[in-house]
Amino acid sequence: MFTLIVGVKEMIKLIVFFGYLLGSTAVASNDGCSGIGFRQAYNSMDVHGVKACFVYTKAAVQTEGQLSRDPDEISLYSVISSENPKLVYEFPYAGTEGAIIDAFFLPAAGTLEEMLFVIHRMETPKSWAPVSDIYNVSVIRREGDTLLLDQKRSRFFDLGGDAVDEQGRSKYVYPYKDKRSVEAAVGLPLFHTIMADKKITGTILEKTFLYDGGSEPLLQSSSKMYLIKGDRVLVEDSMAGWCRVSYQAKVKIIVKWAQCKSINFSAS
């Protein structure tokens, strides 16, 4: 699981399964989820008879050396009438209060189906660096009679919280906090290109600092390198508003992470 915060990987529990959700018109309802978990965390979503139930469940993970007992975490279950509920996904958990703030259906790049996009938010533990709550976007799809997490599309949005530098200036803003921003991202060439496992060319819009990292950016370990307006880059990966860029310098190719908001893809 990708993270932008030091220590998050050790503190967040994230269980994923793979699959896809067949397209349909979503219908919100409050029934069909009774008996699962302690209480509902969000209205259930009914798609072709397969119901997505968002419920609070007991967390059994270590947070800061203590067994977490309160608050509860949020889990997603897949329900059809002929079978027992199936656990699909446990949302990121760090021993703080969490909530589902929106769930909606959008067409997915490269397919004709709609998929269920879920925006989850949790309070930031006091020991963490971000100055905002932590958000993540999960993409759910259907396979047969069950709902499963679409790992590839979920990774594009991943999770993050706003961060500032030592002077209190904004260093990073997680860009996918509401339906409007998620819907806009799904319609962009960047999303379609990454989902197709291709690369896309972009132009730097402003002075942009580069960050180290292999399969994911490391916000706490930025390099002193930066690109300037007009520089051309090749983007091969993207997650949580970060783009992995390749830049042809005078003597070598530089591969680093930069914030996608500083790159223009309109000319690609």
C-alpha atoms as a PDB file:
ATOM      1  CA  MET A   1       0.000   0.000   0.000  1.00  0.00           C
ATOM      2  CA  PHE A   2       1.314   3.437  -0.894  1.00  0.00           C
ATOM      3  CA  THR A   3       1.742   6.173   1.695  1.00  0.00           C
ATOM      4  CA  LEU A   4       3.205   9.654   1.872  1.00  0.00           C
ATOM      5  CA  ILE A   5       3.794   9.733   5.607  1.00  0.00           C
ATOM      6  CA  VAL A   6       6.650   8.251   7.633  1.00  0.00           C
ATOM      7  CA  GLY A   7       5.409   5.276   9.644  1.00  0.00           C
ATOM      8  CA  VAL A   8       2.033   4.953   7.951  1.00  0.00           C
ATOM      9  CA  LYS A   9       2.777   1.505   6.507  1.00  0.00           C
ATOM     10  CA  GLU A  10       3.312   0.149  10.013  1.00  0.00           C
ATOM     11  CA  MET A  11       0.112   1.722  11.351  1.00  0.00           C
ATOM     12  CA  ILE A  12      -2.501   1.127   8.666  1.00  0.00           C
ATOM     13  CA  LYS A  13      -4.237  -2.182   8.058  1.00  0.00           C
ATOM     14  CA  LEU A  14      -5.351  -2.696   4.457  1.00  0.00           C
ATOM     15  CA  ILE A  15      -6.659  -6.043   3.135  1.00  0.00           C
ATOM     16  CA  VAL A  16      -7.455  -6.209  -0.563  1.00  0.00           C
ATOM     17  CA  PHE A  17      -8.915  -8.736  -2.970  1.00  0.00           C
ATOM     18  CA  PHE A  18      -9.031  -8.481  -6.783  1.00  0.00           C
ATOM     19  CA  GLY A  19     -11.921  -8.342  -9.266  1.00  0.00           C
ATOM     20  CA  TYR A  20     -14.282  -5.975 -11.041  1.00  0.00           C
ATOM     21  CA  LEU A  21     -17.757  -4.466 -10.636  1.00  0.00           C
ATOM     22  CA  LEU A  22     -20.163  -4.848 -13.580  1.00  0.00           C
ATOM     23  CA  GLY A  23     -21.801  -1.624 -14.703  1.00  0.00           C
ATOM     24  CA  SER A  24     -25.277  -0.582 -13.650  1.00  0.00           C
ATOM     25  CA  THR A  25     -27.245   2.241 -12.129  1.00  0.00           C
ATOM     26  CA  ALA A  26     -26.573   2.417  -8.398  1.00  0.00           C
ATOM     27  CA  VAL A  27     -29.454   2.457  -5.949  1.00  0.00           C
ATOM     28  CA  ALA A  28     -28.859   3.598  -2.376  1.00  0.00           C
ATOM     29  CA  SER A  29     -30.733   1.785   0.395  1.00  0.00           C
ATOM     30  CA  ASN A  30     -30.551   1.178   4.122  1.00  0.00           C
ATOM     31  CA  ASP A  31     -31.691  -2.457   4.237  1.00  0.00           C
ATOM     32  CA  GLY A  32     -30.049  -5.791   3.480  1.00  0.00           C
ATOM     33  CA  CYS A  33     -27.075  -5.213   5.775  1.00  0.00           C
ATOM     34  CA  SER A  34     -28.619  -5.979   9.147  1.00  0.00           C
ATOM     35  CA  GLY A  35     -26.630  -8.404  11.243  1.00  0.00           C
ATOM     36  CA  ILE A  36     -23.300  -7.463   9.649  1.00  0.00           C
ATOM     37  CA  GLY A  37     -20.909  -5.592  11.920  1.00  0.00           C
ATOM     38  CA  PHE A  38     -22.058  -3.315  14.724  1.00  0.00           C
ATOM     39  CA  ARG A  39     -23.851  -0.662  12.653  1.00  0.00           C
ATOM     40  CA  GLN A  40     -23.893   0.770   9.170  1.00  0.00           C
ATOM     41  CA  ALA A  41     -21.175   3.227   8.196  1.00  0.00           C
ATOM     42  CA  TYR A  42     -22.904   4.325   4.988  1.00  0.00           C
ATOM     43  CA  ASN A  43     -26.000   3.522   2.964  1.00  0.00           C
ATOM     44  CA  SER A  44     -25.705   0.223   1.122  1.00  0.00           C
ATOM     45  CA  MET A  45     -25.243   0.313  -2.657  1.00  0.00           C
ATOM     46  CA  ASP A  46     -27.280  -2.165  -4.708  1.00  0.00           C
ATOM     47  CA  VAL A  47     -25.961  -3.189  -8.147  1.00  0.00           C
ATOM     48  CA  HIS A  48     -27.690  -5.956 -10.109  1.00  0.00           C
ATOM     49  CA  GLY A  49     -28.672  -7.720  -6.898  1.00  0.00           C
ATOM     50  CA  VAL A  50     -25.210  -7.598  -5.325  1.00  0.00           C
ATOM     51  CA  LYS A  51     -25.256  -5.331  -2.313  1.00  0.00           C
ATOM     52  CA  ALA A  52     -22.264  -3.434  -0.938  1.00  0.00           C
ATOM     53  CA  CYS A  53     -22.607  -3.057   2.833  1.00  0.00           C
ATOM     54  CA  PHE A  54     -20.433  -0.541   4.685  1.00  0.00           C
ATOM     55  CA  VAL A  55     -20.320  -1.427   8.376  1.00  0.00           C
ATOM     56  CA  TYR A  56     -18.302  -0.743  11.500  1.00  0.00           C
ATOM     57  CA  THR A  57     -16.377  -3.766  12.757  1.00  0.00           C
ATOM     58  CA  LYS A  58     -13.967  -4.412  15.593  1.00  0.00           C
ATOM     59  CA  ALA A  59     -10.342  -3.650  14.736  1.00  0.00           C
ATOM     60  CA  ALA A  60      -7.701  -6.122  15.833  1.00  0.00           C
ATOM     61  CA  VAL A  61      -4.529  -4.272  14.850  1.00  0.00           C
ATOM     62  CA  GLN A  62      -1.711  -2.787  16.866  1.00  0.00           C
ATOM     63  CA  THR A  63      -1.608   1.020  16.982  1.00  0.00           C
ATOM     64  CA  GLU A  64       1.178   2.673  18.953  1.00  0.00           C
ATOM     65  CA  GLY A  65       1.779  -0.492  20.952  1.00  0.00           C
ATOM     66  CA  GLN A  66      -1.815  -0.929  22.131  1.00  0.00           C
ATOM     67  CA  LEU A  67      -4.565  -3.241  20.911  1.00  0.00           C
ATOM     68  CA  SER A  68      -7.109  -0.901  19.398  1.00  0.00           C
ATOM     69  CA  ARG A  69     -10.574  -1.230  20.943  1.00  0.00           C
ATOM     70  CA  ASP A  70     -12.147   2.099  20.127  1.00  0.00           C
ATOM     71  CA  PRO A  71     -13.071   3.495  17.662  1.00  0.00           C
ATOM     72  CA  ASP A  72     -14.157   0.726  15.311  1.00  0.00           C
ATOM     73  CA  GLU A  73     -12.878   0.343  11.768  1.00  0.00           C
ATOM     74  CA  ILE A  74     -14.996   0.278   8.605  1.00  0.00           C
ATOM     75  CA  SER A  75     -15.363  -2.843   6.475  1.00  0.00           C
ATOM     76  CA  LEU A  76     -17.057  -3.507   3.153  1.00  0.00           C
ATOM     77  CA  TYR A  77     -19.101  -6.701   2.702  1.00  0.00           C
ATOM     78  CA  SER A  78     -20.608  -8.167  -0.453  1.00  0.00           C
ATOM     79  CA  VAL A  79     -24.113  -9.580   0.022  1.00  0.00           C
ATOM     80  CA  ILE A  80     -26.432 -11.659  -2.174  1.00  0.00           C
ATOM     81  CA  SER A  81     -29.551 -13.451  -0.940  1.00  0.00           C
ATOM     82  CA  SER A  82     -28.326 -16.999  -1.542  1.00  0.00           C
ATOM     83  CA  GLU A  83     -24.974 -16.770   0.293  1.00  0.00           C
ATOM     84  CA  ASN A  84     -23.441 -15.536   3.508  1.00  0.00           C
ATOM     85  CA  PRO A  85     -21.940 -12.022   3.481  1.00  0.00           C
ATOM     86  CA  LYS A  86     -18.375 -11.917   2.155  1.00  0.00           C
ATOM     87  CA  LEU A  87     -15.718  -9.563   3.487  1.00  0.00           C
ATOM     88  CA  VAL A  88     -14.418  -7.526   0.551  1.00  0.00           C
ATOM     89  CA  TYR A  89     -12.213  -4.852   2.043  1.00  0.00           C
ATOM     90  CA  GLU A  90     -11.137  -3.274   5.325  1.00  0.00           C
ATOM     91  CA  PHE A  91     -10.554   0.443   4.942  1.00  0.00           C
ATOM     92  CA  PRO A  92      -7.277   1.998   6.147  1.00  0.00           C
ATOM     93  CA  TYR A  93      -7.173   2.166   9.931  1.00  0.00           C
ATOM     94  CA  ALA A  94      -4.819   3.938  12.338  1.00  0.00           C
ATOM     95  CA  GLY A  95      -6.691   3.843  15.647  1.00  0.00           C
ATOM     96  CA  THR A  96      -8.700   6.979  14.888  1.00  0.00           C
ATOM     97  CA  GLU A  97     -12.269   7.755  13.853  1.00  0.00           C
ATOM     98  CA  GLY A  98     -13.090   7.020  10.217  1.00  0.00           C
ATOM     99  CA  ALA A  99     -16.059   7.682   7.958  1.00  0.00           C
ATOM    100  CA  ILE A 100     -17.282   7.027   4.429  1.00  0.00           C
ATOM    101  CA  ILE A 101     -17.989  10.492   3.069  1.00  0.00           C
ATOM    102  CA  ASP A 102     -19.206   9.519  -0.412  1.00  0.00           C
ATOM    103  CA  ALA A 103     -19.825   6.510  -2.658  1.00  0.00           C
ATOM    104  CA  PHE A 104     -20.782   6.839  -6.328  1.00  0.00           C
ATOM    105  CA  PHE A 105     -20.542   5.135  -9.701  1.00  0.00           C
ATOM    106  CA  LEU A 106     -18.378   6.253 -12.615  1.00  0.00           C
ATOM    107  CA  PRO A 107     -17.322   4.665 -15.913  1.00  0.00           C
ATOM    108  CA  ALA A 108     -13.843   3.184 -15.644  1.00  0.00           C
ATOM    109  CA  ALA A 109     -11.074   3.776 -18.163  1.00  0.00           C
ATOM    110  CA  GLY A 110     -10.640   0.936 -20.617  1.00  0.00           C
ATOM    111  CA  THR A 111     -13.994  -0.690 -19.850  1.00  0.00           C
ATOM    112  CA  LEU A 112     -17.660  -0.153 -20.582  1.00  0.00           C
ATOM    113  CA  GLU A 113     -18.693  -0.831 -16.977  1.00  0.00           C
ATOM    114  CA  GLU A 114     -19.327   1.520 -14.126  1.00  0.00           C
ATOM    115  CA  MET A 115     -17.347   0.971 -10.952  1.00  0.00           C
ATOM    116  CA  LEU A 116     -18.068   2.000  -7.396  1.00  0.00           C
ATOM    117  CA  PHE A 117     -15.776   4.756  -6.109  1.00  0.00           C
ATOM    118  CA  VAL A 118     -15.671   5.154  -2.323  1.00  0.00           C
ATOM    119  CA  ILE A 119     -14.114   8.141  -0.543  1.00  0.00           C
ATOM    120  CA  HIS A 120     -13.026   7.337   3.009  1.00  0.00           C
ATOM    121  CA  ARG A 121     -11.645   9.738   5.596  1.00  0.00           C
ATOM    122  CA  MET A 122      -9.989   9.141   8.952  1.00  0.00           C
ATOM    123  CA  GLU A 123      -8.684  11.481  11.610  1.00  0.00           C
ATOM    124  CA  THR A 124      -4.925  11.969  11.648  1.00  0.00           C
ATOM    125  CA  PRO A 125      -3.136  10.575  14.731  1.00  0.00           C
ATOM    126  CA  LYS A 126      -1.387  13.326  16.677  1.00  0.00           C
ATOM    127  CA  SER A 127       2.046  11.824  16.002  1.00  0.00           C
ATOM    128  CA  TRP A 128       1.674  12.041  12.218  1.00  0.00           C
ATOM    129  CA  ALA A 129       2.988  14.836  10.041  1.00  0.00           C
ATOM    130  CA  PRO A 130      -0.093  15.726   7.920  1.00  0.00           C
ATOM    131  CA  VAL A 131      -2.094  18.795   8.918  1.00  0.00           C
ATOM    132  CA  SER A 132      -5.383  17.440   7.568  1.00  0.00           C
ATOM    133  CA  ASP A 133      -7.419  14.267   7.888  1.00  0.00           C
ATOM    134  CA  ILE A 134      -6.207  11.300   5.826  1.00  0.00           C
ATOM    135  CA  TYR A 135      -8.262  10.499   2.729  1.00  0.00           C
ATOM    136  CA  ASN A 136      -8.281   7.504   0.425  1.00  0.00           C
ATOM    137  CA  VAL A 137     -10.300   6.490  -2.622  1.00  0.00           C
ATOM    138  CA  SER A 138     -11.126   2.822  -3.207  1.00  0.00           C
ATOM    139  CA  VAL A 139     -12.532   1.462  -6.460  1.00  0.00           C
ATOM    140  CA  ILE A 140     -14.836  -1.552  -6.206  1.00  0.00           C
ATOM    141  CA  ARG A 141     -15.925  -3.794  -9.061  1.00  0.00           C
ATOM    142  CA  ARG A 142     -18.027  -6.939  -9.409  1.00  0.00           C
ATOM    143  CA  GLU A 143     -16.935 -10.413 -10.422  1.00  0.00           C
ATOM    144  CA  GLY A 144     -19.637 -13.027 -10.619  1.00  0.00           C
ATOM    145  CA  ASP A 145     -21.729 -12.772  -7.478  1.00  0.00           C
ATOM    146  CA  THR A 146     -19.294 -10.838  -5.347  1.00  0.00           C
ATOM    147  CA  LEU A 147     -17.743  -7.378  -5.099  1.00  0.00           C
ATOM    148  CA  LEU A 148     -13.966  -7.016  -5.129  1.00  0.00           C
ATOM    149  CA  LEU A 149     -11.401  -4.244  -4.829  1.00  0.00           C
ATOM    150  CA  ASP A 150      -9.891  -3.035  -8.110  1.00  0.00           C
ATOM    151  CA  GLN A 151      -6.307  -2.686  -6.958  1.00  0.00           C
ATOM    152  CA  LYS A 152      -4.938  -0.920 -10.032  1.00  0.00           C
ATOM    153  CA  ARG A 153      -7.501   1.873 -10.069  1.00  0.00           C
ATOM    154  CA  SER A 154      -7.447   2.207  -6.287  1.00  0.00           C
ATOM    155  CA  ARG A 155      -3.672   2.637  -6.394  1.00  0.00           C
ATOM    156  CA  PHE A 156      -4.024   5.618  -8.737  1.00  0.00           C
ATOM    157  CA  PHE A 157      -5.950   7.509  -6.034  1.00  0.00           C
ATOM    158  CA  ASP A 158      -4.382   5.794  -3.005  1.00  0.00           C
ATOM    159  CA  LEU A 159      -4.301   7.838   0.214  1.00  0.00           C
ATOM    160  CA  GLY A 160      -2.754  10.960   1.646  1.00  0.00           C
ATOM    161  CA  GLY A 161      -3.121  13.988   3.872  1.00  0.00           C
ATOM    162  CA  ASP A 162      -2.130  17.619   3.383  1.00  0.00           C
ATOM    163  CA  ALA A 163       1.398  18.469   4.542  1.00  0.00           C
ATOM    164  CA  VAL A 164       3.382  21.641   5.200  1.00  0.00           C
ATOM    165  CA  ASP A 165       7.094  22.389   5.392  1.00  0.00           C
ATOM    166  CA  GLU A 166       9.012  23.683   8.421  1.00  0.00           C
ATOM    167  CA  GLN A 167       7.902  27.225   7.645  1.00  0.00           C
ATOM    168  CA  GLY A 168       4.256  26.200   7.566  1.00  0.00           C
ATOM    169  CA  ARG A 169       3.965  26.540   3.809  1.00  0.00           C
ATOM    170  CA  SER A 170       1.891  24.033   1.867  1.00  0.00           C
ATOM    171  CA  LYS A 171       4.038  21.145   0.685  1.00  0.00           C
ATOM    172  CA  TYR A 172       1.413  18.723  -0.578  1.00  0.00           C
ATOM    173  CA  VAL A 173      -2.361  18.609  -0.830  1.00  0.00           C
ATOM    174  CA  TYR A 174      -4.138  15.295  -1.338  1.00  0.00           C
ATOM    175  CA  PRO A 175      -6.193  16.029  -4.466  1.00  0.00           C
ATOM    176  CA  TYR A 176      -9.076  13.525  -4.269  1.00  0.00           C
ATOM    177  CA  LYS A 177     -11.238  14.527  -1.321  1.00  0.00           C
ATOM    178  CA  ASP A 178     -14.631  14.723  -3.022  1.00  0.00           C
ATOM    179  CA  LYS A 179     -16.653  13.316  -5.916  1.00  0.00           C
ATOM    180  CA  ARG A 180     -15.973  16.324  -8.137  1.00  0.00           C
ATOM    181  CA  SER A 181     -12.198  15.876  -7.990  1.00  0.00           C
ATOM    182  CA  VAL A 182     -12.386  12.092  -8.491  1.00  0.00           C
ATOM    183  CA  GLU A 183     -14.740  12.448 -11.440  1.00  0.00           C
ATOM    184  CA  ALA A 184     -12.440  15.039 -13.017  1.00  0.00           C
ATOM    185  CA  ALA A 185      -9.404  12.759 -12.597  1.00  0.00           C
ATOM    186  CA  VAL A 186     -11.168   9.788 -14.226  1.00  0.00           C
ATOM    187  CA  GLY A 187     -11.821  11.923 -17.300  1.00  0.00           C
ATOM    188  CA  LEU A 188      -8.218  13.053 -17.753  1.00  0.00           C
ATOM    189  CA  PRO A 189      -5.695  11.608 -20.264  1.00  0.00           C
ATOM    190  CA  LEU A 190      -3.338  10.810 -17.375  1.00  0.00           C
ATOM    191  CA  PHE A 191      -5.793   8.356 -15.785  1.00  0.00           C
ATOM    192  CA  HIS A 192      -6.595   6.636 -19.085  1.00  0.00           C
ATOM    193  CA  THR A 193      -2.902   6.345 -19.962  1.00  0.00           C
ATOM    194  CA  ILE A 194      -1.839   4.867 -16.628  1.00  0.00           C
ATOM    195  CA  MET A 195      -4.752   2.396 -16.678  1.00  0.00           C
ATOM    196  CA  ALA A 196      -3.576   1.265 -20.136  1.00  0.00           C
ATOM    197  CA  ASP A 197      -0.004   0.727 -18.830  1.00  0.00           C
ATOM    198  CA  LYS A 198       1.315   3.350 -21.235  1.00  0.00           C
ATOM    199  CA  LYS A 199       3.388   6.505 -20.861  1.00  0.00           C
ATOM    200  CA  ILE A 200       2.325  10.091 -21.423  1.00  0.00           C
ATOM    201  CA  THR A 201       4.336  13.206 -22.247  1.00  0.00           C
ATOM    202  CA  GLY A 202       3.815  16.396 -20.260  1.00  0.00           C
ATOM    203  CA  THR A 203       5.209  19.900 -19.882  1.00  0.00           C
ATOM    204  CA  ILE A 204       6.243  21.404 -16.555  1.00  0.00           C
ATOM    205  CA  LEU A 205       4.116  24.435 -15.652  1.00  0.00           C
ATOM    206  CA  GLU A 206       6.253  25.942 -12.875  1.00  0.00           C
ATOM    207  CA  LYS A 207       9.363  25.361 -10.803  1.00  0.00           C
ATOM    208  CA  THR A 208       8.788  21.832  -9.525  1.00  0.00           C
ATOM    209  CA  PHE A 209      10.890  20.008  -6.947  1.00  0.00           C
ATOM    210  CA  LEU A 210      11.586  16.324  -7.464  1.00  0.00           C
ATOM    211  CA  TYR A 211      11.269  13.608  -4.846  1.00  0.00           C
ATOM    212  CA  ASP A 212      13.036  10.290  -4.423  1.00  0.00           C
ATOM    213  CA  GLY A 213      11.290   6.942  -4.358  1.00  0.00           C
ATOM    214  CA  GLY A 214      11.020   3.703  -6.278  1.00  0.00           C
ATOM    215  CA  SER A 215       7.503   2.366  -6.695  1.00  0.00           C
ATOM    216  CA  GLU A 216       6.151   5.243  -4.601  1.00  0.00           C
ATOM    217  CA  PRO A 217       7.220   8.811  -3.771  1.00  0.00           C
ATOM    218  CA  LEU A 218       8.896   9.578  -0.461  1.00  0.00           C
ATOM    219  CA  LEU A 219       7.634  12.952   0.682  1.00  0.00           C
ATOM    220  CA  GLN A 220      10.096  13.147   3.559  1.00  0.00           C
ATOM    221  CA  SER A 221      13.157  12.681   1.336  1.00  0.00           C
ATOM    222  CA  SER A 222      12.990  15.250  -1.421  1.00  0.00           C
ATOM    223  CA  SER A 223      16.059  15.848  -3.524  1.00  0.00           C
ATOM    224  CA  LYS A 224      17.365  19.328  -4.283  1.00  0.00           C
ATOM    225  CA  MET A 225      16.640  18.761  -7.946  1.00  0.00           C
ATOM    226  CA  TYR A 226      13.869  20.647  -9.653  1.00  0.00           C
ATOM    227  CA  LEU A 227      12.438  21.225 -13.099  1.00  0.00           C
ATOM    228  CA  ILE A 228      11.433  24.562 -14.574  1.00  0.00           C
ATOM    229  CA  LYS A 229       8.576  25.795 -16.709  1.00  0.00           C
ATOM    230  CA  GLY A 230       8.715  24.349 -20.214  1.00  0.00           C
ATOM    231  CA  ASP A 231      10.718  21.214 -19.363  1.00  0.00           C
ATOM    232  CA  ARG A 232       9.337  18.118 -21.085  1.00  0.00           C
ATOM    233  CA  VAL A 233       8.874  14.918 -19.082  1.00  0.00           C
ATOM    234  CA  LEU A 234       7.614  11.406 -19.687  1.00  0.00           C
ATOM    235  CA  VAL A 235       5.193  10.111 -17.031  1.00  0.00           C
ATOM    236  CA  GLU A 236       5.061   6.363 -16.480  1.00  0.00           C
ATOM    237  CA  ASP A 237       3.170   6.073 -13.189  1.00  0.00           C
ATOM    238  CA  SER A 238       0.864   8.097 -10.952  1.00  0.00           C
ATOM    239  CA  MET A 239      -0.620   7.780  -7.467  1.00  0.00           C
ATOM    240  CA  ALA A 240      -2.262  10.138  -4.970  1.00  0.00           C
ATOM    241  CA  GLY A 241      -1.533  13.175  -7.119  1.00  0.00           C
ATOM    242  CA  TRP A 242       2.124  12.298  -7.712  1.00  0.00           C
ATOM    243  CA  CYS A 243       3.657  11.472 -11.099  1.00  0.00           C
ATOM    244  CA  ARG A 244       6.776   9.398 -11.676  1.00  0.00           C
ATOM    245  CA  VAL A 245       8.636  11.386 -14.343  1.00  0.00           C
ATOM    246  CA  SER A 246      11.597  10.756 -16.601  1.00  0.00           C
ATOM    247  CA  TYR A 247      13.563  13.818 -17.677  1.00  0.00           C
ATOM    248  CA  GLN A 248      16.393  13.812 -20.209  1.00  0.00           C
ATOM    249  CA  ALA A 249      19.177  15.912 -18.692  1.00  0.00           C
ATOM    250  CA  LYS A 250      22.426  16.747 -20.463  1.00  0.00           C
ATOM    251  CA  VAL A 251      24.276  13.608 -19.419  1.00  0.00           C
ATOM    252  CA  LYS A 252      21.629  11.173 -18.120  1.00  0.00           C
ATOM    253  CA  ILE A 253      17.951  10.460 -17.680  1.00  0.00           C
ATOM    254  CA  ILE A 254      16.592  11.556 -14.296  1.00  0.00           C
ATOM    255  CA  VAL A 255      13.733   9.495 -12.865  1.00  0.00           C
ATOM    256  CA  LYS A 256      11.973  11.044  -9.864  1.00  0.00           C
ATOM    257  CA  TRP A 257       8.515  11.855  -8.509  1.00  0.00           C
ATOM    258  CA  ALA A 258       6.809  15.227  -8.972  1.00  0.00           C
ATOM    259  CA  GLN A 259       3.339  16.536  -8.181  1.00  0.00           C
ATOM    260  CA  CYS A 260       1.016  16.000 -11.141  1.00  0.00           C
ATOM    261  CA  LYS A 261      -0.617  19.399 -10.650  1.00  0.00           C
ATOM    262  CA  SER A 262       2.602  20.978 -11.915  1.00  0.00           C
ATOM    263  CA  ILE A 263       2.470  19.114 -15.247  1.00  0.00           C
ATOM    264  CA  ASN A 264       0.391  19.992 -18.304  1.00  0.00           C
ATOM    265  CA  PHE A 265      -0.746  17.016 -20.402  1.00  0.00           C
ATOM    266  CA  SER A 266      -3.005  18.900 -22.831  1.00  0.00           C
ATOM    267  CA  ALA A 267      -0.444  18.829 -25.650  1.00  0.00           C
ATOM    268  CA  SER A 268       0.134  15.072 -25.376  1.00  0.00           C
END
